[in-house]
């Protein structure tokens, strides 16, 4: 969040006739590139390779998170993930795991 806070720039109420990914792609395609970097956080259902490419073009820091309402297992707390966010690189105790698996960003 910036020093002056966050502002909702747009919202709409329409019948949902598109997939979530398609809705996000349509929104991003309609936007001009931002002069200053903005941050967008969405549920993982809006994430796709195409949308991740579009946010780069639009000067957007994009984070997709899993908003299932389930508690995240403690093993993920304060762990370091690799650059793709798919594997634990270091655990809370700073140990490198022998192996690690997590949902691939390509399956999100």
N, C-alpha and C. Protein backbone atom coordinates (compact mmCIF):
# COMPACT_ATOMS: atom_id res chain seq x y z
N UNK A 1 0.85 -1.17 0.00
CA UNK A 1 0.00 0.00 0.00
C UNK A 1 0.90 1.23 0.00
N UNK A 2 0.50 2.23 -0.76
CA UNK A 2 1.25 3.47 -0.83
C UNK A 2 1.05 4.32 0.41
N UNK A 3 1.80 5.41 0.50
CA UNK A 3 1.72 6.30 1.66
C UNK A 3 0.34 6.93 1.80
N UNK A 4 -0.36 7.13 0.68
CA UNK A 4 -1.66 7.79 0.75
C UNK A 4 -2.81 6.80 0.79
N UNK A 5 -2.51 5.50 0.86
CA UNK A 5 -3.57 4.50 0.99
C UNK A 5 -3.99 3.93 -0.35
N UNK A 6 -5.03 3.13 -0.32
CA UNK A 6 -5.55 2.47 -1.51
C UNK A 6 -6.90 3.04 -1.90
N UNK A 7 -7.20 2.99 -3.18
CA UNK A 7 -8.46 3.51 -3.69
C UNK A 7 -9.05 2.48 -4.65
N UNK A 8 -10.33 2.20 -4.52
CA UNK A 8 -11.01 1.34 -5.49
C UNK A 8 -11.24 2.17 -6.74
N UNK A 9 -10.64 1.77 -7.85
CA UNK A 9 -10.70 2.56 -9.08
C UNK A 9 -11.87 2.17 -9.96
N UNK A 10 -12.38 0.94 -9.79
CA UNK A 10 -13.44 0.50 -10.69
C UNK A 10 -14.16 -0.68 -10.05
N UNK A 11 -15.43 -0.79 -10.33
CA UNK A 11 -16.20 -1.97 -9.96
C UNK A 11 -17.40 -2.05 -10.87
N UNK A 12 -17.99 -3.21 -10.96
CA UNK A 12 -19.17 -3.35 -11.80
C UNK A 12 -20.01 -4.52 -11.30
N UNK A 13 -21.27 -4.48 -11.62
CA UNK A 13 -22.19 -5.57 -11.33
C UNK A 13 -22.80 -6.02 -12.65
N UNK A 14 -22.44 -7.19 -13.09
CA UNK A 14 -22.97 -7.76 -14.32
C UNK A 14 -23.23 -9.24 -14.10
N UNK A 15 -24.06 -9.80 -14.96
CA UNK A 15 -24.26 -11.23 -14.93
C UNK A 15 -22.94 -11.89 -15.30
N UNK A 16 -22.54 -12.91 -14.56
CA UNK A 16 -21.27 -13.57 -14.79
C UNK A 16 -21.41 -14.59 -15.92
N UNK A 17 -21.05 -14.17 -17.15
CA UNK A 17 -21.16 -15.06 -18.30
C UNK A 17 -19.78 -15.50 -18.81
N UNK A 18 -18.70 -15.04 -18.15
CA UNK A 18 -17.34 -15.38 -18.53
C UNK A 18 -16.67 -16.14 -17.40
N UNK A 19 -15.60 -16.84 -17.75
CA UNK A 19 -14.77 -17.43 -16.72
C UNK A 19 -14.06 -16.30 -15.98
N UNK A 20 -13.59 -16.58 -14.77
CA UNK A 20 -12.88 -15.57 -14.00
C UNK A 20 -11.62 -15.11 -14.73
N UNK A 21 -10.90 -16.06 -15.32
CA UNK A 21 -9.69 -15.71 -16.07
C UNK A 21 -10.03 -14.80 -17.24
N UNK A 22 -11.10 -15.11 -17.95
CA UNK A 22 -11.52 -14.30 -19.10
C UNK A 22 -11.93 -12.90 -18.65
N UNK A 23 -12.61 -12.80 -17.52
CA UNK A 23 -13.02 -11.49 -16.99
C UNK A 23 -11.80 -10.63 -16.67
N UNK A 24 -10.80 -11.24 -16.04
CA UNK A 24 -9.58 -10.51 -15.69
C UNK A 24 -8.84 -10.08 -16.95
N UNK A 25 -8.76 -10.98 -17.93
CA UNK A 25 -8.09 -10.65 -19.19
C UNK A 25 -8.79 -9.48 -19.90
N UNK A 26 -10.10 -9.50 -19.90
CA UNK A 26 -10.87 -8.42 -20.52
C UNK A 26 -10.61 -7.09 -19.82
N UNK A 27 -10.60 -7.13 -18.48
CA UNK A 27 -10.33 -5.91 -17.70
C UNK A 27 -8.93 -5.39 -18.00
N UNK A 28 -7.92 -6.27 -17.94
CA UNK A 28 -6.55 -5.83 -18.17
C UNK A 28 -6.35 -5.30 -19.58
N UNK A 29 -6.96 -5.94 -20.55
CA UNK A 29 -6.82 -5.49 -21.94
C UNK A 29 -7.42 -4.11 -22.16
N UNK A 30 -8.42 -3.76 -21.37
CA UNK A 30 -9.08 -2.45 -21.53
C UNK A 30 -8.32 -1.32 -20.83
N UNK A 31 -7.32 -1.66 -20.03
CA UNK A 31 -6.58 -0.65 -19.26
C UNK A 31 -5.36 -0.15 -20.03
N UNK A 32 -5.09 1.14 -19.89
CA UNK A 32 -3.84 1.70 -20.39
C UNK A 32 -2.74 1.30 -19.41
N UNK A 33 -1.49 1.32 -19.85
CA UNK A 33 -0.37 1.06 -18.95
C UNK A 33 -0.31 2.19 -17.91
N UNK A 34 -0.11 1.82 -16.67
CA UNK A 34 -0.01 2.80 -15.60
C UNK A 34 1.36 3.46 -15.63
N UNK A 35 1.40 4.77 -15.37
CA UNK A 35 2.68 5.47 -15.31
C UNK A 35 3.46 5.02 -14.09
N UNK A 36 2.79 4.98 -12.94
CA UNK A 36 3.41 4.51 -11.72
C UNK A 36 2.94 3.08 -11.47
N UNK A 37 3.83 2.28 -10.95
CA UNK A 37 3.49 0.88 -10.69
C UNK A 37 2.34 0.81 -9.69
N UNK A 38 1.35 -0.04 -9.99
CA UNK A 38 0.24 -0.29 -9.09
C UNK A 38 0.27 -1.76 -8.69
N UNK A 39 -0.41 -2.06 -7.59
CA UNK A 39 -0.46 -3.43 -7.09
C UNK A 39 -1.88 -3.94 -7.20
N UNK A 40 -2.04 -5.15 -7.74
CA UNK A 40 -3.33 -5.81 -7.84
C UNK A 40 -3.21 -7.17 -7.16
N UNK A 41 -4.15 -7.45 -6.25
CA UNK A 41 -4.19 -8.73 -5.56
C UNK A 41 -5.52 -9.37 -5.87
N UNK A 42 -5.49 -10.60 -6.39
CA UNK A 42 -6.73 -11.29 -6.74
C UNK A 42 -6.70 -12.72 -6.20
N UNK A 43 -7.84 -13.33 -6.23
CA UNK A 43 -7.92 -14.75 -5.96
C UNK A 43 -7.21 -15.47 -7.11
N UNK A 44 -6.68 -16.63 -6.80
CA UNK A 44 -5.92 -17.40 -7.79
C UNK A 44 -6.76 -17.78 -9.01
N UNK A 45 -8.08 -17.79 -8.90
CA UNK A 45 -8.92 -18.18 -10.03
C UNK A 45 -8.82 -17.19 -11.20
N UNK A 46 -8.28 -15.99 -10.98
CA UNK A 46 -8.11 -15.01 -12.04
C UNK A 46 -6.75 -15.11 -12.74
N UNK A 47 -5.89 -15.99 -12.26
CA UNK A 47 -4.52 -16.06 -12.74
C UNK A 47 -4.39 -16.98 -13.96
N UNK A 48 -3.59 -16.54 -14.91
CA UNK A 48 -3.26 -17.34 -16.09
C UNK A 48 -1.96 -16.80 -16.66
N UNK A 49 -1.32 -17.57 -17.52
CA UNK A 49 -0.09 -17.11 -18.18
C UNK A 49 -0.37 -15.81 -18.94
N UNK A 50 -1.50 -15.77 -19.65
CA UNK A 50 -1.84 -14.58 -20.44
C UNK A 50 -2.02 -13.36 -19.54
N UNK A 51 -2.70 -13.53 -18.41
CA UNK A 51 -2.92 -12.41 -17.51
C UNK A 51 -1.63 -11.96 -16.83
N UNK A 52 -0.74 -12.90 -16.52
CA UNK A 52 0.55 -12.52 -15.94
C UNK A 52 1.38 -11.73 -16.95
N UNK A 53 1.26 -12.06 -18.24
CA UNK A 53 1.96 -11.28 -19.28
C UNK A 53 1.34 -9.90 -19.41
N UNK A 54 0.02 -9.82 -19.36
CA UNK A 54 -0.66 -8.52 -19.48
C UNK A 54 -0.31 -7.57 -18.35
N UNK A 55 -0.22 -8.06 -17.12
CA UNK A 55 0.09 -7.16 -16.00
C UNK A 55 1.49 -6.57 -16.14
N UNK A 56 2.41 -7.33 -16.71
CA UNK A 56 3.76 -6.79 -16.94
C UNK A 56 3.70 -5.64 -17.93
N UNK A 57 2.90 -5.79 -18.98
CA UNK A 57 2.75 -4.73 -19.99
C UNK A 57 2.11 -3.48 -19.40
N UNK A 58 1.26 -3.65 -18.39
CA UNK A 58 0.48 -2.54 -17.82
C UNK A 58 1.15 -1.91 -16.61
N UNK A 59 2.38 -2.35 -16.25
CA UNK A 59 3.12 -1.81 -15.11
C UNK A 59 2.40 -2.12 -13.78
N UNK A 60 1.98 -3.37 -13.64
CA UNK A 60 1.23 -3.81 -12.46
C UNK A 60 2.01 -4.89 -11.73
N UNK A 61 2.19 -4.71 -10.40
CA UNK A 61 2.67 -5.80 -9.56
C UNK A 61 1.46 -6.65 -9.25
N UNK A 62 1.51 -7.92 -9.64
CA UNK A 62 0.33 -8.78 -9.55
C UNK A 62 0.59 -9.94 -8.60
N UNK A 63 -0.33 -10.12 -7.66
CA UNK A 63 -0.26 -11.21 -6.71
C UNK A 63 -1.58 -11.97 -6.75
N UNK A 64 -1.48 -13.27 -6.97
CA UNK A 64 -2.68 -14.10 -6.91
C UNK A 64 -2.54 -14.99 -5.69
N UNK A 65 -3.58 -14.98 -4.86
CA UNK A 65 -3.54 -15.76 -3.63
C UNK A 65 -4.74 -16.69 -3.56
N UNK A 66 -4.61 -17.73 -2.81
CA UNK A 66 -5.65 -18.73 -2.66
C UNK A 66 -6.61 -18.29 -1.56
N UNK A 67 -7.78 -17.85 -1.93
CA UNK A 67 -8.77 -17.34 -0.97
C UNK A 67 -9.84 -18.40 -0.69
N UNK A 68 -9.40 -19.59 -0.31
CA UNK A 68 -10.35 -20.68 -0.07
C UNK A 68 -11.01 -20.59 1.29
N UNK A 69 -10.44 -19.80 2.17
CA UNK A 69 -10.99 -19.72 3.53
C UNK A 69 -10.43 -20.80 4.44
N UNK A 70 -9.56 -21.66 3.91
CA UNK A 70 -8.94 -22.69 4.73
C UNK A 70 -7.68 -22.15 5.38
N UNK A 71 -7.38 -22.63 6.55
CA UNK A 71 -6.16 -22.24 7.24
C UNK A 71 -4.95 -22.77 6.49
N UNK A 72 -3.94 -21.93 6.33
CA UNK A 72 -2.71 -22.34 5.66
C UNK A 72 -1.88 -23.15 6.65
N UNK A 73 -1.37 -24.31 6.23
CA UNK A 73 -0.55 -25.11 7.14
C UNK A 73 0.64 -24.32 7.66
N UNK A 74 0.96 -24.52 8.94
CA UNK A 74 2.07 -23.79 9.57
C UNK A 74 3.40 -23.99 8.87
N UNK A 75 3.56 -25.10 8.17
CA UNK A 75 4.83 -25.37 7.50
C UNK A 75 5.18 -24.28 6.49
N UNK A 76 4.19 -23.58 5.93
CA UNK A 76 4.46 -22.53 4.96
C UNK A 76 4.79 -21.18 5.60
N UNK A 77 4.54 -21.04 6.90
CA UNK A 77 4.76 -19.76 7.57
C UNK A 77 6.25 -19.43 7.61
N UNK A 78 6.59 -18.24 7.17
CA UNK A 78 7.96 -17.73 7.20
C UNK A 78 8.95 -18.58 6.42
N UNK A 79 8.49 -19.40 5.52
CA UNK A 79 9.39 -20.16 4.65
C UNK A 79 9.74 -19.31 3.45
N UNK A 80 10.92 -19.56 2.90
CA UNK A 80 11.32 -18.88 1.67
C UNK A 80 10.96 -19.77 0.50
N UNK A 81 10.35 -19.19 -0.51
CA UNK A 81 9.99 -19.94 -1.72
C UNK A 81 10.96 -19.58 -2.84
N UNK A 82 11.06 -20.46 -3.84
CA UNK A 82 11.91 -20.17 -4.98
C UNK A 82 11.31 -19.02 -5.79
N UNK A 83 12.03 -18.59 -6.83
CA UNK A 83 11.60 -17.43 -7.62
C UNK A 83 10.23 -17.61 -8.26
N UNK A 84 9.84 -18.85 -8.56
CA UNK A 84 8.54 -19.12 -9.16
C UNK A 84 7.45 -19.29 -8.11
N UNK A 85 7.83 -19.33 -6.82
CA UNK A 85 6.85 -19.52 -5.76
C UNK A 85 6.29 -20.92 -5.70
N UNK A 86 6.98 -21.87 -6.31
CA UNK A 86 6.44 -23.23 -6.41
C UNK A 86 7.09 -24.21 -5.44
N UNK A 87 8.25 -23.89 -4.92
CA UNK A 87 8.95 -24.82 -4.02
C UNK A 87 9.51 -24.06 -2.82
N UNK A 88 9.55 -24.74 -1.68
CA UNK A 88 10.16 -24.14 -0.50
C UNK A 88 11.67 -24.22 -0.66
N UNK A 89 12.34 -23.06 -0.62
CA UNK A 89 13.79 -23.01 -0.75
C UNK A 89 14.46 -23.17 0.62
N UNK A 90 13.88 -22.56 1.63
CA UNK A 90 14.38 -22.66 3.01
C UNK A 90 13.19 -22.68 3.95
N UNK A 91 13.29 -23.50 4.97
CA UNK A 91 12.21 -23.61 5.95
C UNK A 91 12.35 -22.53 7.02
N UNK A 92 11.41 -22.50 7.93
CA UNK A 92 11.43 -21.55 9.05
C UNK A 92 12.73 -21.66 9.83
N UNK A 93 13.24 -22.87 9.97
CA UNK A 93 14.49 -23.09 10.71
C UNK A 93 15.72 -22.93 9.82
N UNK A 94 15.54 -22.35 8.63
CA UNK A 94 16.61 -22.11 7.66
C UNK A 94 17.24 -23.38 7.12
N UNK A 95 16.49 -24.46 7.10
CA UNK A 95 16.97 -25.71 6.51
C UNK A 95 16.46 -25.80 5.07
N UNK A 96 17.31 -26.32 4.20
CA UNK A 96 16.90 -26.56 2.82
C UNK A 96 16.27 -27.95 2.76
N UNK A 97 15.01 -28.06 2.33
CA UNK A 97 14.37 -29.38 2.31
C UNK A 97 14.97 -30.29 1.23
N UNK A 98 14.92 -31.61 1.49
CA UNK A 98 15.38 -32.57 0.48
C UNK A 98 14.50 -32.50 -0.75
N UNK A 99 13.20 -32.31 -0.52
CA UNK A 99 12.27 -32.15 -1.64
C UNK A 99 11.11 -31.29 -1.16
N UNK A 100 10.39 -30.74 -2.11
CA UNK A 100 9.27 -29.88 -1.79
C UNK A 100 8.34 -29.87 -2.99
N UNK A 101 7.04 -29.89 -2.73
CA UNK A 101 6.10 -29.75 -3.82
C UNK A 101 4.98 -28.83 -3.39
N UNK A 102 4.44 -28.14 -4.34
CA UNK A 102 3.39 -27.17 -4.10
C UNK A 102 2.66 -27.02 -5.41
N UNK A 103 1.45 -26.47 -5.41
CA UNK A 103 0.73 -26.29 -6.67
C UNK A 103 1.56 -25.44 -7.62
N UNK A 104 1.77 -25.94 -8.80
CA UNK A 104 2.51 -25.20 -9.81
C UNK A 104 1.72 -23.97 -10.23
N UNK A 105 2.39 -22.80 -10.40
CA UNK A 105 1.67 -21.61 -10.86
C UNK A 105 0.94 -21.86 -12.18
N UNK A 106 1.41 -22.82 -13.00
CA UNK A 106 0.76 -23.11 -14.28
C UNK A 106 -0.58 -23.79 -14.08
N UNK A 107 -0.79 -24.41 -12.91
CA UNK A 107 -2.07 -25.08 -12.66
C UNK A 107 -3.05 -24.18 -11.93
N UNK A 108 -2.61 -22.97 -11.60
CA UNK A 108 -3.48 -22.04 -10.87
C UNK A 108 -4.34 -21.27 -11.81
